[in-house]
Amino acid sequence: MSPDLVLTTVNAPYRRQLDARQLAACLLDPAVARAVPGHMSSFFGEVEPALQLAFAGMFDIDERQLVAAAKAFARYSGETYRLDRASEGAASRRVIRSGPAIRRG
C-alpha cells in the first residue's frame, strides 16, 4: 500500500503538509495528534477504516493501537469516527460468539 492516497486526503485542505511518519507519530501520541486537529479529523473522518488500518500497519501500529488513537482523538474533538464505532461492534460480536452455545428444545 502506498500512503499517498491517505496523505492526499489528510493534507488537502491544509497549508501544513504531514508526511507519513509524522501522521504515524500522531497515531501513537495523543499530544502530537492534538497539535494537528484538522489533519487528524480528516484521517479518522474521511479516510476509509480499511485504509486507516493499512496505513497504520505500515508503521507497525496494530488495530488495538489505532482504535485507541481514534477514541482518544474523539474524546478530544467531541466527534465520533467510523473506526471507533465499527471496532466496538466487532468486539461485541466476538464476545457473543465466544459465549456458550444456547441449547433449544
N, C-alpha and C. Protein backbone atom coordinates (compact mmCIF):
# COMPACT_ATOMS: atom_id res chain seq x y z
N MET A 1 0.84 -1.17 0.00
CA MET A 1 0.00 0.00 0.00
C MET A 1 0.88 1.24 0.00
N SER A 2 0.53 2.18 -0.81
CA SER A 2 1.21 3.47 -0.83
C SER A 2 0.45 4.43 0.09
N PRO A 3 1.14 5.19 0.90
CA PRO A 3 0.45 6.13 1.79
C PRO A 3 -0.08 7.37 1.07
N ASP A 4 0.17 7.49 -0.23
CA ASP A 4 -0.18 8.71 -0.96
C ASP A 4 -1.66 9.06 -0.89
N LEU A 5 -2.55 8.08 -1.05
CA LEU A 5 -3.98 8.37 -1.02
C LEU A 5 -4.38 8.91 0.36
N VAL A 6 -3.88 8.30 1.40
CA VAL A 6 -4.19 8.75 2.76
C VAL A 6 -3.66 10.16 2.96
N LEU A 7 -2.41 10.40 2.58
CA LEU A 7 -1.80 11.71 2.79
C LEU A 7 -2.48 12.79 1.96
N THR A 8 -2.89 12.46 0.75
CA THR A 8 -3.60 13.43 -0.08
C THR A 8 -4.89 13.86 0.60
N THR A 9 -5.62 12.91 1.14
CA THR A 9 -6.88 13.22 1.83
C THR A 9 -6.63 14.03 3.09
N VAL A 10 -5.66 13.61 3.87
CA VAL A 10 -5.38 14.27 5.15
C VAL A 10 -4.83 15.68 4.96
N ASN A 11 -3.98 15.87 3.97
CA ASN A 11 -3.31 17.15 3.78
C ASN A 11 -4.06 18.14 2.89
N ALA A 12 -5.03 17.67 2.12
CA ALA A 12 -5.66 18.51 1.09
C ALA A 12 -6.05 19.91 1.54
N PRO A 13 -6.76 20.07 2.64
CA PRO A 13 -7.23 21.42 2.95
C PRO A 13 -6.25 22.27 3.77
N TYR A 14 -5.05 21.79 4.01
CA TYR A 14 -4.16 22.49 4.95
C TYR A 14 -2.86 22.93 4.31
N ARG A 15 -2.38 24.07 4.76
CA ARG A 15 -1.08 24.57 4.30
C ARG A 15 0.04 23.67 4.80
N ARG A 16 -0.03 23.32 6.08
CA ARG A 16 0.98 22.42 6.65
C ARG A 16 0.74 21.02 6.13
N GLN A 17 1.76 20.42 5.56
CA GLN A 17 1.65 19.09 5.00
C GLN A 17 2.38 18.09 5.88
N LEU A 18 1.69 17.04 6.30
CA LEU A 18 2.32 15.98 7.08
C LEU A 18 2.87 14.92 6.14
N ASP A 19 4.00 14.35 6.50
CA ASP A 19 4.46 13.17 5.76
C ASP A 19 3.97 11.93 6.51
N ALA A 20 4.23 10.78 5.94
CA ALA A 20 3.69 9.54 6.51
C ALA A 20 4.18 9.30 7.93
N ARG A 21 5.44 9.55 8.18
CA ARG A 21 5.98 9.33 9.53
C ARG A 21 5.36 10.29 10.55
N GLN A 22 5.13 11.50 10.15
CA GLN A 22 4.50 12.47 11.06
C GLN A 22 3.07 12.04 11.39
N LEU A 23 2.34 11.58 10.39
CA LEU A 23 0.98 11.12 10.63
C LEU A 23 0.99 9.89 11.54
N ALA A 24 1.91 8.98 11.31
CA ALA A 24 2.02 7.80 12.17
C ALA A 24 2.34 8.21 13.61
N ALA A 25 3.19 9.21 13.78
CA ALA A 25 3.51 9.69 15.14
C ALA A 25 2.25 10.21 15.83
N CYS A 26 1.37 10.83 15.06
CA CYS A 26 0.11 11.32 15.63
C CYS A 26 -0.76 10.17 16.13
N LEU A 27 -0.67 9.03 15.48
CA LEU A 27 -1.47 7.88 15.89
C LEU A 27 -0.95 7.26 17.18
N LEU A 28 0.31 7.51 17.47
CA LEU A 28 0.92 6.92 18.67
C LEU A 28 0.96 7.86 19.86
N ASP A 29 0.79 9.15 19.63
CA ASP A 29 0.93 10.13 20.70
C ASP A 29 -0.22 11.14 20.65
N PRO A 30 -1.15 11.07 21.59
CA PRO A 30 -2.30 11.98 21.57
C PRO A 30 -1.91 13.46 21.61
N ALA A 31 -0.84 13.80 22.28
CA ALA A 31 -0.41 15.21 22.33
C ALA A 31 0.01 15.69 20.96
N VAL A 32 0.69 14.86 20.21
CA VAL A 32 1.10 15.21 18.85
C VAL A 32 -0.14 15.34 17.97
N ALA A 33 -1.10 14.44 18.14
CA ALA A 33 -2.34 14.49 17.36
C ALA A 33 -3.12 15.77 17.62
N ARG A 34 -3.14 16.21 18.88
CA ARG A 34 -3.88 17.43 19.22
C ARG A 34 -3.25 18.67 18.59
N ALA A 35 -1.98 18.59 18.21
CA ALA A 35 -1.30 19.73 17.57
C ALA A 35 -1.75 19.92 16.12
N VAL A 36 -2.34 18.90 15.53
CA VAL A 36 -2.82 18.98 14.14
C VAL A 36 -4.25 18.43 14.07
N PRO A 37 -5.18 19.09 14.76
CA PRO A 37 -6.54 18.53 14.86
C PRO A 37 -7.26 18.39 13.52
N GLY A 38 -7.03 19.30 12.60
CA GLY A 38 -7.68 19.19 11.29
C GLY A 38 -7.23 17.96 10.53
N HIS A 39 -5.94 17.73 10.54
CA HIS A 39 -5.39 16.55 9.86
C HIS A 39 -5.96 15.27 10.47
N MET A 40 -6.01 15.23 11.79
CA MET A 40 -6.49 14.02 12.45
C MET A 40 -7.99 13.82 12.22
N SER A 41 -8.72 14.91 12.21
CA SER A 41 -10.14 14.80 11.90
C SER A 41 -10.34 14.28 10.48
N SER A 42 -9.52 14.74 9.55
CA SER A 42 -9.59 14.23 8.17
C SER A 42 -9.23 12.75 8.12
N PHE A 43 -8.19 12.36 8.86
CA PHE A 43 -7.77 10.95 8.85
C PHE A 43 -8.88 10.06 9.37
N PHE A 44 -9.39 10.36 10.54
CA PHE A 44 -10.40 9.49 11.14
C PHE A 44 -11.78 9.66 10.52
N GLY A 45 -12.07 10.83 9.97
CA GLY A 45 -13.41 11.08 9.45
C GLY A 45 -13.58 10.88 7.96
N GLU A 46 -12.51 11.01 7.17
CA GLU A 46 -12.64 10.95 5.72
C GLU A 46 -11.95 9.76 5.07
N VAL A 47 -10.96 9.20 5.72
CA VAL A 47 -10.24 8.04 5.18
C VAL A 47 -10.99 6.77 5.62
N GLU A 48 -11.26 5.89 4.67
CA GLU A 48 -11.97 4.65 4.98
C GLU A 48 -11.22 3.85 6.04
N PRO A 49 -11.94 3.21 6.96
CA PRO A 49 -11.29 2.44 8.02
C PRO A 49 -10.28 1.39 7.51
N ALA A 50 -10.59 0.75 6.40
CA ALA A 50 -9.64 -0.24 5.86
C ALA A 50 -8.32 0.42 5.47
N LEU A 51 -8.39 1.62 4.90
CA LEU A 51 -7.17 2.35 4.56
C LEU A 51 -6.46 2.85 5.81
N GLN A 52 -7.22 3.23 6.82
CA GLN A 52 -6.60 3.63 8.09
C GLN A 52 -5.78 2.47 8.66
N LEU A 53 -6.39 1.29 8.66
CA LEU A 53 -5.70 0.10 9.18
C LEU A 53 -4.47 -0.24 8.36
N ALA A 54 -4.59 -0.15 7.04
CA ALA A 54 -3.45 -0.45 6.17
C ALA A 54 -2.33 0.56 6.40
N PHE A 55 -2.67 1.83 6.50
CA PHE A 55 -1.67 2.86 6.75
C PHE A 55 -0.98 2.59 8.09
N ALA A 56 -1.76 2.37 9.12
CA ALA A 56 -1.18 2.11 10.44
C ALA A 56 -0.26 0.90 10.41
N GLY A 57 -0.68 -0.14 9.71
CA GLY A 57 0.13 -1.35 9.61
C GLY A 57 1.50 -1.12 9.00
N MET A 58 1.60 -0.13 8.12
CA MET A 58 2.89 0.20 7.52
C MET A 58 3.90 0.67 8.57
N PHE A 59 3.40 1.10 9.72
CA PHE A 59 4.26 1.63 10.78
C PHE A 59 4.17 0.77 12.04
N ASP A 60 3.77 -0.49 11.85
CA ASP A 60 3.65 -1.45 12.95
C ASP A 60 2.72 -0.97 14.05
N ILE A 61 1.70 -0.25 13.66
CA ILE A 61 0.66 0.17 14.59
C ILE A 61 -0.49 -0.82 14.40
N ASP A 62 -0.82 -1.56 15.45
CA ASP A 62 -1.85 -2.59 15.29
C ASP A 62 -3.25 -1.99 15.48
N GLU A 63 -4.25 -2.80 15.22
CA GLU A 63 -5.64 -2.33 15.27
C GLU A 63 -6.00 -1.80 16.65
N ARG A 64 -5.55 -2.46 17.69
CA ARG A 64 -5.84 -2.02 19.05
C ARG A 64 -5.30 -0.61 19.29
N GLN A 65 -4.07 -0.36 18.84
CA GLN A 65 -3.47 0.96 19.00
C GLN A 65 -4.21 2.01 18.17
N LEU A 66 -4.60 1.64 16.96
CA LEU A 66 -5.31 2.57 16.09
C LEU A 66 -6.68 2.93 16.68
N VAL A 67 -7.39 1.95 17.19
CA VAL A 67 -8.68 2.21 17.81
C VAL A 67 -8.49 3.09 19.05
N ALA A 68 -7.45 2.85 19.82
CA ALA A 68 -7.17 3.69 20.99
C ALA A 68 -6.91 5.13 20.56
N ALA A 69 -6.19 5.30 19.47
CA ALA A 69 -5.92 6.65 18.95
C ALA A 69 -7.22 7.33 18.52
N ALA A 70 -8.08 6.58 17.84
CA ALA A 70 -9.37 7.13 17.40
C ALA A 70 -10.22 7.53 18.60
N LYS A 71 -10.25 6.70 19.61
CA LYS A 71 -11.03 7.01 20.81
C LYS A 71 -10.47 8.24 21.52
N ALA A 72 -9.15 8.30 21.65
CA ALA A 72 -8.53 9.45 22.33
C ALA A 72 -8.82 10.74 21.57
N PHE A 73 -8.70 10.70 20.25
CA PHE A 73 -8.96 11.91 19.47
C PHE A 73 -10.44 12.27 19.49
N ALA A 74 -11.31 11.27 19.51
CA ALA A 74 -12.75 11.52 19.58
C ALA A 74 -13.10 12.21 20.90
N ARG A 75 -12.48 11.77 21.99
CA ARG A 75 -12.72 12.44 23.28
C ARG A 75 -12.26 13.89 23.23
N TYR A 76 -11.12 14.11 22.60
CA TYR A 76 -10.57 15.47 22.50
C TYR A 76 -11.45 16.36 21.61
N SER A 77 -11.85 15.83 20.47
CA SER A 77 -12.55 16.65 19.46
C SER A 77 -14.07 16.70 19.66
N GLY A 78 -14.60 15.74 20.37
CA GLY A 78 -16.05 15.67 20.52
C GLY A 78 -16.75 15.02 19.33
N GLU A 79 -15.98 14.52 18.39
CA GLU A 79 -16.53 13.86 17.20
C GLU A 79 -16.63 12.35 17.44
N THR A 80 -17.32 11.67 16.53
CA THR A 80 -17.33 10.21 16.52
C THR A 80 -16.77 9.77 15.17
N TYR A 81 -16.12 8.61 15.17
CA TYR A 81 -15.47 8.13 13.95
C TYR A 81 -15.87 6.68 13.68
N ARG A 82 -15.93 6.34 12.40
CA ARG A 82 -16.36 5.01 11.98
C ARG A 82 -15.49 3.90 12.56
N LEU A 83 -14.19 4.10 12.58
CA LEU A 83 -13.29 3.05 13.08
C LEU A 83 -13.62 2.74 14.53
N ASP A 84 -13.86 3.74 15.31
CA ASP A 84 -14.19 3.57 16.71
C ASP A 84 -15.51 2.81 16.87
N ARG A 85 -16.53 3.24 16.14
CA ARG A 85 -17.84 2.58 16.23
C ARG A 85 -17.79 1.16 15.69
N ALA A 86 -17.10 0.96 14.58
CA ALA A 86 -17.02 -0.38 13.98
C ALA A 86 -16.29 -1.34 14.90
N SER A 87 -15.24 -0.86 15.54
CA SER A 87 -14.46 -1.74 16.42
C SER A 87 -15.28 -2.17 17.62
N GLU A 88 -16.12 -1.28 18.14
CA GLU A 88 -16.96 -1.65 19.28
C GLU A 88 -17.96 -2.72 18.88
N GLY A 89 -18.54 -2.60 17.69
CA GLY A 89 -19.48 -3.61 17.21
C GLY A 89 -18.80 -4.95 17.00
N ALA A 90 -17.60 -4.90 16.42
CA ALA A 90 -16.85 -6.14 16.20
C ALA A 90 -16.49 -6.79 17.52
N ALA A 91 -16.10 -6.00 18.49
CA ALA A 91 -15.76 -6.55 19.80
C ALA A 91 -16.98 -7.20 20.43
N SER A 92 -18.13 -6.58 20.29
CA SER A 92 -19.36 -7.15 20.85
C SER A 92 -19.68 -8.47 20.17
N ARG A 93 -19.51 -8.52 18.85
CA ARG A 93 -19.79 -9.77 18.13
C ARG A 93 -18.83 -10.86 18.56
N ARG A 94 -17.56 -10.52 18.80
CA ARG A 94 -16.60 -11.53 19.24
C ARG A 94 -17.00 -12.07 20.61
N VAL A 95 -17.45 -11.21 21.50
CA VAL A 95 -17.85 -11.66 22.83
C VAL A 95 -19.05 -12.59 22.72
N ILE A 96 -20.02 -12.21 21.91
CA ILE A 96 -21.21 -13.04 21.75
C ILE A 96 -20.84 -14.40 21.16
N ARG A 97 -20.00 -14.42 20.16
CA ARG A 97 -19.61 -15.67 19.52
C ARG A 97 -18.82 -16.57 20.46
N SER A 98 -18.08 -15.97 21.38
CA SER A 98 -17.23 -16.78 22.24
C SER A 98 -17.99 -17.31 23.45
N GLY A 99 -19.24 -16.88 23.63
CA GLY A 99 -20.03 -17.34 24.78
C GLY A 99 -20.50 -18.78 24.57
N PRO A 100 -21.09 -19.34 25.61
CA PRO A 100 -21.58 -20.73 25.50
C PRO A 100 -22.76 -20.82 24.53
N ALA A 101 -22.87 -21.96 23.92
CA ALA A 101 -23.98 -22.19 22.99
C ALA A 101 -25.28 -22.32 23.78
N ILE A 102 -26.34 -21.84 23.21
CA ILE A 102 -27.65 -21.94 23.85
C ILE A 102 -28.37 -23.15 23.26
N ARG A 103 -28.79 -24.03 24.11
CA ARG A 103 -29.50 -25.22 23.64
C ARG A 103 -30.99 -24.93 23.63
N ARG A 104 -31.62 -25.35 22.58
CA ARG A 104 -33.06 -25.14 22.47
C ARG A 104 -33.75 -26.51 22.43
N GLY A 105 -34.89 -26.50 23.01
CA GLY A 105 -35.73 -27.67 22.88
C GLY A 105 -35.54 -28.65 23.89
